[in-house]
Amino acid sequence: MSSTITTPKIDVSHTKFTEPVKKIFDTQGAQDFQSSVTMYRLQSHLHKYTTLVGTKNIPSTSNNDAVNRFTQIIDALSRTIDETPPLPGPRRFGNFACRTWHDKMRDSLDALLQDFIPEKYHVCIVEIRYYLGNAFGSKERLDYGTGHELSFLAVVSAIDMLDLWGSNPSGEDILFLFNGYYTLVKKLIATYTLEPAGSHGVWGLDDHFHLAYILGSSQLAPISHNPLRPSDILDRHTVEDYAKTNLYFQAIAFIDKVKSGSFSEHSPMLYDIAKTVSTWSKVQRGLLKMYSAEVLNKFPVVQHFWFGTGFFPWVNVKSGAILPTYETNQEENPHFSSVTSISNIPTATKSVLPATSSTTMPPPTILPSRNSPVGKFSNRDRFKR
């Protein structure tokens, strides 16, 4: 199956990589983001991964050497949590020891990535380092949410664009990577009581995650005569049985662990999906529409996604022109201090577009156009269409 899914590839020898900088300062910037090369690349890789994981289970081991070596980075960061216990004293959200963990994580990333990435690709570490550093929540706000989860998708996609996962990564490879990432993030949340980032409260899908539900429902959507139904998430025994093999049930298991009370009251959106959506394919489609409207089209989320000139440039996907920026004052990079200013980014239009191999992608099916009526629907409506 993987051989039929083509995504962009990066020619490192003809691509300039720079420290990512902030480009989205208002809702107009969020709209321009929808027509960017970055959006196309994120969309095409998400389409690829949701297809690859179909009918697959989370494996307990991987035969992919690159996947295993990347997992060593996750394991190293997990050990750093063990070495950085939470500070004593009552605090509902955000133990300050997490800031120490972020400092240690930041200081270790260069060496960890240099060990993982072949030397001929080290020029691109400046960008991968930013997205990986941003995938574990905010040091300043002591929170974690879907924008940080999006950064990890960017990391997996960037490494994929280098072909470092291999020419045909499997669905099991993708699930193994995300499972390791989510295990680390849940450990961070539980250890340092991280606050939900930009949570909609009970009216959101989940306090922290969205991609986990998309990938988990994608695992189940293609299975004919599936014995599991969306309503089975309401049975704790079933959730426990499938949490080790499916990301959707794993995310539900985490909710069951950290929240008390009626599921219908603390997670009404997930409860509503379980009670009203009959098939996993409808769940998947609805979650993808919801992701477009509530994550990728939301300024409070995407303002924290920054842009380099290699993997995820601020460039129009159709014309190759640099997209407009409506604010010139750059915020300090929350993880790394050496931020490239706007004046240092090439001004030529086509030259900013990184060299990639030719791609043949199916028509976009994940993200609606800017004028799409999707955003006008309620979340429940998204699961009916």
Protein backbone atom coordinates (compact mmCIF):
# COMPACT_ATOMS: atom_id res chain seq x y z
CA MET A 1 0.00 0.00 0.00
CA SER A 2 2.78 2.43 0.90
CA SER A 3 4.19 2.35 -2.64
CA THR A 4 1.02 4.03 -3.96
CA ILE A 5 1.25 6.97 -1.56
CA THR A 6 3.60 9.69 -2.79
CA THR A 7 4.58 12.66 -0.65
CA PRO A 8 7.04 15.52 -1.21
CA LYS A 9 10.75 14.83 -0.83
CA ILE A 10 13.48 17.35 -0.01
CA ASP A 11 16.71 17.68 -2.00
CA VAL A 12 19.01 18.84 0.79
CA SER A 13 21.78 19.90 -1.59
CA HIS A 14 19.46 22.48 -3.20
CA THR A 15 17.53 23.62 -0.14
CA LYS A 16 18.34 26.33 2.39
CA PHE A 17 17.41 25.59 6.00
CA THR A 18 16.97 28.38 8.54
CA GLU A 19 15.77 28.80 12.12
CA PRO A 20 11.95 28.89 12.00
CA VAL A 21 10.35 32.26 12.70
CA LYS A 22 6.86 33.45 13.50
CA LYS A 23 4.73 34.39 10.48
CA ILE A 24 1.13 34.12 11.72
CA PHE A 25 0.21 37.19 13.77
CA ASP A 26 -3.53 37.48 13.16
CA THR A 27 -6.50 35.72 11.58
CA GLN A 28 -5.44 36.89 8.11
CA GLY A 29 -2.15 35.06 8.59
CA ALA A 30 -4.10 31.97 9.63
CA GLN A 31 -6.07 32.24 6.38
CA ASP A 32 -2.91 32.60 4.31
CA PHE A 33 -1.57 29.49 6.05
CA GLN A 34 -4.30 27.48 4.31
CA SER A 35 -2.76 28.17 0.87
CA SER A 36 0.83 27.54 1.90
CA VAL A 37 3.34 24.89 0.88
CA THR A 38 3.44 23.99 4.55
CA MET A 39 -0.27 23.22 4.66
CA TYR A 40 0.03 21.09 1.52
CA ARG A 41 2.90 19.12 3.01
CA LEU A 42 1.22 18.59 6.36
CA GLN A 43 -1.99 17.59 4.61
CA SER A 44 -0.32 15.16 2.23
CA HIS A 45 1.60 13.46 5.03
CA LEU A 46 -1.46 13.21 7.24
CA HIS A 47 -3.32 11.62 4.32
CA LYS A 48 -0.43 9.20 3.88
CA TYR A 49 -0.28 8.22 7.55
CA THR A 50 -4.03 7.79 8.00
CA THR A 51 -3.98 5.49 4.98
CA LEU A 52 -0.95 3.49 6.13
CA VAL A 53 -2.28 2.74 9.62
CA GLY A 54 -5.54 1.28 8.32
CA THR A 55 -6.19 -2.21 9.80
CA LYS A 56 -2.85 -2.04 11.69
CA ASN A 57 -2.22 -2.39 15.43
CA ILE A 58 0.37 -0.57 17.50
CA PRO A 59 3.35 -2.96 17.52
CA SER A 60 5.36 -3.70 20.63
CA THR A 61 8.61 -3.57 18.64
CA SER A 62 9.83 -2.22 15.30
CA ASN A 63 12.05 -3.73 12.62
CA ASN A 64 12.79 -0.29 11.17
CA ASP A 65 16.28 0.81 12.27
CA ALA A 66 15.54 4.52 11.85
CA VAL A 67 12.34 4.23 13.88
CA ASN A 68 14.22 2.46 16.67
CA ARG A 69 16.98 5.06 16.66
CA PHE A 70 14.45 7.89 16.85
CA THR A 71 12.75 6.10 19.72
CA GLN A 72 16.05 6.37 21.58
CA ILE A 73 15.55 10.16 21.54
CA ILE A 74 12.12 9.72 23.12
CA ASP A 75 13.57 7.33 25.70
CA ALA A 76 16.34 9.79 26.58
CA LEU A 77 13.83 12.59 27.13
CA SER A 78 11.72 10.24 29.26
CA ARG A 79 14.72 9.50 31.47
CA THR A 80 15.20 13.24 31.88
CA ILE A 81 11.74 13.40 33.45
CA ASP A 82 12.85 10.76 35.96
CA GLU A 83 15.90 12.89 36.73
CA THR A 84 13.76 16.03 37.16
CA PRO A 85 11.10 15.27 39.79
CA PRO A 86 8.26 17.74 40.35
CA LEU A 87 8.80 20.38 43.00
CA PRO A 88 6.93 19.83 46.26
CA GLY A 89 3.97 21.95 47.25
CA PRO A 90 0.36 22.29 46.10
CA ARG A 91 -0.20 23.59 42.59
CA ARG A 92 -3.20 22.69 40.44
CA PHE A 93 -1.54 23.20 37.07
CA GLY A 94 2.03 23.49 35.90
CA ASN A 95 4.77 22.34 38.24
CA PHE A 96 7.76 24.65 37.75
CA ALA A 97 10.14 21.68 37.53
CA CYS A 98 8.82 21.27 34.00
CA ARG A 99 10.76 24.39 33.02
CA THR A 100 13.94 22.72 34.18
CA TRP A 101 13.00 19.70 32.07
CA HIS A 102 12.51 21.96 29.04
CA ASP A 103 15.93 23.48 29.58
CA LYS A 104 17.52 20.04 29.74
CA MET A 105 15.57 18.90 26.70
CA ARG A 106 16.65 21.96 24.70
CA ASP A 107 20.29 21.51 25.69
CA SER A 108 20.30 17.85 24.62
CA LEU A 109 18.45 18.06 21.29
CA ASP A 110 21.39 18.99 19.08
CA ALA A 111 23.46 16.01 20.22
CA LEU A 112 20.48 13.65 20.07
CA LEU A 113 19.56 14.73 16.55
CA GLN A 114 23.17 14.64 15.34
CA ASP A 115 23.34 11.02 16.48
CA PHE A 116 20.09 10.18 14.72
CA ILE A 117 20.41 12.11 11.45
CA PRO A 118 23.19 11.16 8.98
CA GLU A 119 25.93 13.76 8.76
CA LYS A 120 25.10 14.80 5.20
CA TYR A 121 21.69 15.96 6.48
CA HIS A 122 22.94 17.86 9.53
CA VAL A 123 22.24 21.15 7.79
CA CYS A 124 18.52 20.56 8.34
CA ILE A 125 18.79 20.01 12.10
CA VAL A 126 18.22 23.73 12.66
CA GLU A 127 14.59 23.22 11.57
CA ILE A 128 13.86 19.75 12.92
CA ARG A 129 15.25 20.84 16.29
CA TYR A 130 12.67 23.62 16.52
CA TYR A 131 9.67 21.43 15.69
CA LEU A 132 10.77 18.65 18.01
CA GLY A 133 11.48 21.13 20.81
CA ASN A 134 8.01 22.59 20.35
CA ALA A 135 6.28 19.19 20.43
CA PHE A 136 6.32 18.80 24.23
CA GLY A 137 4.32 21.79 25.40
CA SER A 138 5.20 25.33 26.43
CA LYS A 139 7.95 26.06 28.92
CA GLU A 140 6.44 29.47 29.65
CA ARG A 141 2.75 28.55 29.93
CA LEU A 142 3.33 25.04 31.31
CA ASP A 143 0.67 23.63 29.03
CA TYR A 144 0.27 21.14 26.20
CA GLY A 145 -2.28 20.98 23.39
CA THR A 146 -3.05 20.28 19.76
CA GLY A 147 -0.54 22.84 18.46
CA HIS A 148 2.29 20.92 20.13
CA GLU A 149 0.85 17.68 18.76
CA LEU A 150 0.93 19.30 15.30
CA SER A 151 4.64 20.01 15.78
CA PHE A 152 5.31 16.30 16.20
CA LEU A 153 3.45 15.58 12.96
CA ALA A 154 5.81 18.13 11.40
CA VAL A 155 8.82 16.27 12.80
CA VAL A 156 7.69 12.90 11.44
CA SER A 157 6.84 14.50 8.10
CA ALA A 158 10.17 16.35 7.85
CA ILE A 159 12.15 13.17 8.50
CA ASP A 160 9.92 11.43 5.95
CA MET A 161 10.78 14.12 3.39
CA LEU A 162 14.43 13.14 3.84
CA ASP A 163 13.50 9.47 3.27
CA LEU A 164 15.07 8.59 6.60
CA TRP A 165 12.16 6.32 7.57
CA GLY A 166 12.94 4.37 4.41
CA SER A 167 11.33 4.66 1.01
CA ASN A 168 8.23 2.78 2.16
CA PRO A 169 7.55 3.22 5.88
CA SER A 170 4.80 0.96 7.14
CA GLY A 171 1.70 1.73 9.13
CA GLU A 172 3.28 -0.09 12.05
CA ASP A 173 6.28 2.27 11.82
CA ILE A 174 4.01 5.30 12.07
CA LEU A 175 2.04 3.85 14.97
CA PHE A 176 5.21 2.90 16.84
CA LEU A 177 6.55 6.46 16.50
CA PHE A 178 3.35 8.15 17.64
CA ASN A 179 2.82 5.65 20.44
CA GLY A 180 6.27 6.43 21.84
CA TYR A 181 5.60 10.16 21.54
CA TYR A 182 2.21 9.98 23.26
CA THR A 183 3.66 7.86 26.05
CA LEU A 184 6.24 10.55 26.73
CA VAL A 185 3.74 13.40 26.52
CA LYS A 186 1.31 11.69 28.91
CA LYS A 187 4.19 11.21 31.32
CA LEU A 188 4.96 14.93 31.07
CA ILE A 189 1.30 15.86 31.64
CA ALA A 190 0.94 13.54 34.63
CA THR A 191 4.30 14.37 36.22
CA TYR A 192 4.10 18.14 35.91
CA THR A 193 0.29 18.58 35.83
CA LEU A 194 0.44 20.46 32.54
CA GLU A 195 -2.52 22.65 31.75
CA PRO A 196 -4.54 22.04 28.57
CA ALA A 197 -3.39 24.52 25.93
CA GLY A 198 -6.28 26.47 24.47
CA SER A 199 -8.80 23.94 25.73
CA HIS A 200 -12.45 24.51 24.90
CA GLY A 201 -13.31 22.86 28.19
CA VAL A 202 -16.07 20.31 28.00
CA TRP A 203 -16.99 21.56 24.52
CA GLY A 204 -13.70 20.45 22.99
CA LEU A 205 -12.87 16.98 21.76
CA ASP A 206 -10.09 16.41 24.30
CA ASP A 207 -8.04 18.58 26.64
CA HIS A 208 -4.77 17.76 24.89
CA PHE A 209 -5.02 15.59 21.78
CA HIS A 210 -6.74 15.35 18.41
CA LEU A 211 -4.38 13.56 16.01
CA ALA A 212 -4.41 10.53 18.31
CA TYR A 213 -8.12 10.12 17.65
CA ILE A 214 -7.69 10.58 13.90
CA LEU A 215 -4.97 7.95 13.73
CA GLY A 216 -6.83 5.59 16.04
CA SER A 217 -10.08 5.80 14.09
CA SER A 218 -8.05 5.40 10.88
CA GLN A 219 -6.73 2.11 12.25
CA LEU A 220 -10.30 0.84 12.56
CA ALA A 221 -12.09 2.52 9.65
CA PRO A 222 -11.12 0.06 6.84
CA ILE A 223 -11.91 -3.10 8.83
CA SER A 224 -14.99 -4.83 7.44
CA HIS A 225 -17.28 -6.51 9.97
CA ASN A 226 -15.40 -4.74 12.74
CA PRO A 227 -16.40 -6.14 16.14
CA LEU A 228 -15.44 -2.82 17.74
CA ARG A 229 -17.96 0.00 17.58
CA PRO A 230 -17.53 3.68 18.47
CA SER A 231 -19.83 3.12 21.44
CA ASP A 232 -17.36 0.60 22.91
CA ILE A 233 -15.25 3.44 24.31
CA LEU A 234 -17.87 3.74 27.04
CA ASP A 235 -16.98 0.31 28.38
CA ARG A 236 -13.85 0.57 30.52
CA HIS A 237 -12.96 -3.09 30.19
CA THR A 238 -13.01 -2.83 26.39
CA VAL A 239 -10.95 0.34 26.55
CA GLU A 240 -8.33 -1.38 28.68
CA ASP A 241 -8.26 -4.37 26.32
CA TYR A 242 -7.56 -2.26 23.22
CA ALA A 243 -5.53 0.63 24.65
CA LYS A 244 -2.24 -1.12 23.88
CA THR A 245 -3.03 -1.62 20.20
CA ASN A 246 -5.18 1.37 19.20
CA LEU A 247 -4.48 5.08 19.66
CA TYR A 248 -8.17 6.06 19.95
CA PHE A 249 -8.79 3.65 22.81
CA GLN A 250 -5.44 4.63 24.32
CA ALA A 251 -6.49 8.28 24.42
CA ILE A 252 -9.78 7.31 26.05
CA ALA A 253 -7.89 5.22 28.62
CA PHE A 254 -5.86 8.30 29.55
CA ILE A 255 -9.06 10.29 30.09
CA ASP A 256 -10.44 7.49 32.27
CA LYS A 257 -7.24 7.64 34.31
CA VAL A 258 -7.00 11.38 34.89
CA LYS A 259 -10.68 12.38 35.09
CA SER A 260 -13.43 11.37 37.47
CA GLY A 261 -17.17 11.59 37.28
CA SER A 262 -19.53 10.89 34.43
CA PHE A 263 -17.89 10.51 31.02
CA SER A 264 -20.85 12.27 29.42
CA GLU A 265 -20.20 15.31 31.62
CA HIS A 266 -16.40 15.70 31.39
CA SER A 267 -16.09 14.54 27.75
CA PRO A 268 -19.43 15.31 26.08
CA MET A 269 -18.04 15.53 22.54
CA LEU A 270 -16.45 12.07 22.70
CA TYR A 271 -19.57 10.77 24.41
CA ASP A 272 -21.77 12.24 21.68
CA ILE A 273 -19.61 10.60 18.99
CA ALA A 274 -19.85 7.27 20.79
CA LYS A 275 -23.62 7.46 21.07
CA THR A 276 -24.54 8.91 17.69
CA VAL A 277 -21.90 7.86 15.13
CA SER A 278 -22.33 4.29 13.94
CA THR A 279 -19.12 3.49 12.05
CA TRP A 280 -15.42 4.19 12.42
CA SER A 281 -15.21 5.55 8.88
CA LYS A 282 -17.75 8.24 9.82
CA VAL A 283 -15.80 8.94 13.01
CA GLN A 284 -12.61 9.37 11.01
CA ARG A 285 -14.18 11.68 8.43
CA GLY A 286 -15.79 13.80 11.11
CA LEU A 287 -12.58 14.09 13.09
CA LEU A 288 -10.66 15.19 9.99
CA LYS A 289 -13.22 17.91 9.29
CA MET A 290 -13.11 18.94 12.92
CA TYR A 291 -9.29 19.03 12.84
CA SER A 292 -9.38 21.37 9.88
CA ALA A 293 -11.87 23.72 11.51
CA GLU A 294 -10.77 23.59 15.14
CA VAL A 295 -6.98 23.19 14.83
CA LEU A 296 -5.54 24.06 11.42
CA ASN A 297 -7.93 26.97 10.84
CA LYS A 298 -7.75 28.41 14.35
CA PHE A 299 -5.44 31.38 14.87
CA PRO A 300 -4.84 30.67 18.61
CA VAL A 301 -3.42 27.27 17.61
CA VAL A 302 -1.52 27.90 14.36
CA GLN A 303 0.06 31.18 15.52
CA HIS A 304 2.56 29.00 17.38
CA PHE A 305 3.55 27.06 14.25
CA TRP A 306 6.67 28.77 12.92
CA PHE A 307 8.23 28.59 9.47
CA GLY A 308 11.71 27.91 8.15
CA THR A 309 12.79 27.89 4.52
CA GLY A 310 13.31 24.15 4.07
CA PHE A 311 10.64 21.76 5.25
CA PHE A 312 7.79 24.14 6.04
CA PRO A 313 8.23 27.47 4.24
CA TRP A 314 5.91 30.48 4.29
CA VAL A 315 5.30 30.20 0.56
CA ASN A 316 2.18 30.00 -1.59
CA VAL A 317 1.73 26.47 -2.88
CA LYS A 318 0.42 27.55 -6.29
CA SER A 319 2.60 30.54 -7.20
CA GLY A 320 5.76 29.84 -5.19
CA ALA A 321 5.64 33.43 -3.91
CA ILE A 322 6.41 34.37 -0.34
CA LEU A 323 3.18 34.85 1.58
CA PRO A 324 2.55 38.25 3.19
CA THR A 325 3.46 38.87 6.81
CA TYR A 326 1.42 41.43 8.70
CA GLU A 327 3.80 42.04 11.60
CA THR A 328 7.58 42.52 11.55
CA ASN A 329 8.35 42.22 15.26
CA GLN A 330 9.48 38.66 15.82
CA GLU A 331 8.70 36.97 19.11
CA GLU A 332 11.59 35.26 20.80
CA ASN A 333 11.78 31.61 19.87
CA PRO A 334 10.53 29.91 23.06
CA HIS A 335 13.09 27.12 22.77
CA PHE A 336 16.12 28.46 20.91
CA SER A 337 17.50 31.96 20.94
CA SER A 338 19.16 32.25 17.51
CA VAL A 339 16.11 33.28 15.51
CA THR A 340 16.59 34.34 11.90
CA SER A 341 15.06 37.78 11.32
CA ILE A 342 12.79 38.54 8.40
CA SER A 343 15.54 40.56 6.73
CA ASN A 344 17.74 37.46 6.55
CA ILE A 345 15.20 35.37 4.70
CA PRO A 346 15.66 35.39 0.91
CA THR A 347 13.35 37.81 -0.86
CA ALA A 348 13.17 35.96 -4.16
CA THR A 349 9.91 34.18 -4.65
CA LYS A 350 10.78 30.92 -6.34
CA SER A 351 14.12 30.49 -4.59
CA VAL A 352 12.43 30.10 -1.21
CA LEU A 353 10.49 27.07 -2.39
CA PRO A 354 12.68 24.09 -1.45
CA ALA A 355 13.64 21.64 -4.13
CA THR A 356 11.44 18.55 -4.02
CA SER A 357 10.88 15.56 -6.16
CA SER A 358 7.82 15.51 -8.38
CA THR A 359 4.75 14.33 -6.56
CA THR A 360 1.42 12.95 -7.62
CA MET A 361 -1.06 13.43 -4.83
CA PRO A 362 -4.76 12.65 -4.80
CA PRO A 363 -7.05 15.68 -4.61
CA PRO A 364 -6.98 17.11 -1.08
CA THR A 365 -9.59 15.37 1.01
CA ILE A 366 -8.56 16.34 4.53
CA LEU A 367 -8.73 20.10 4.50
CA PRO A 368 -11.60 22.14 3.09
CA SER A 369 -11.00 25.26 1.06
CA ARG A 370 -11.16 28.65 2.71
CA ASN A 371 -14.72 29.11 1.46
CA SER A 372 -15.82 25.65 2.48
CA PRO A 373 -19.02 25.54 4.55
CA VAL A 374 -17.42 23.02 6.88
CA GLY A 375 -16.50 25.70 9.39
CA LYS A 376 -20.15 26.73 9.65
CA PHE A 377 -21.31 23.36 10.89
CA SER A 378 -21.52 22.31 14.48
CA ASN A 379 -19.13 19.57 15.52
CA ARG A 380 -22.00 17.08 15.50
CA ASP A 381 -22.80 18.00 11.88
CA ARG A 382 -19.28 17.12 10.82
CA PHE A 383 -19.89 13.46 11.65
CA LYS A 384 -23.02 13.29 9.48
CA ARG A 385 -21.48 14.30 6.17
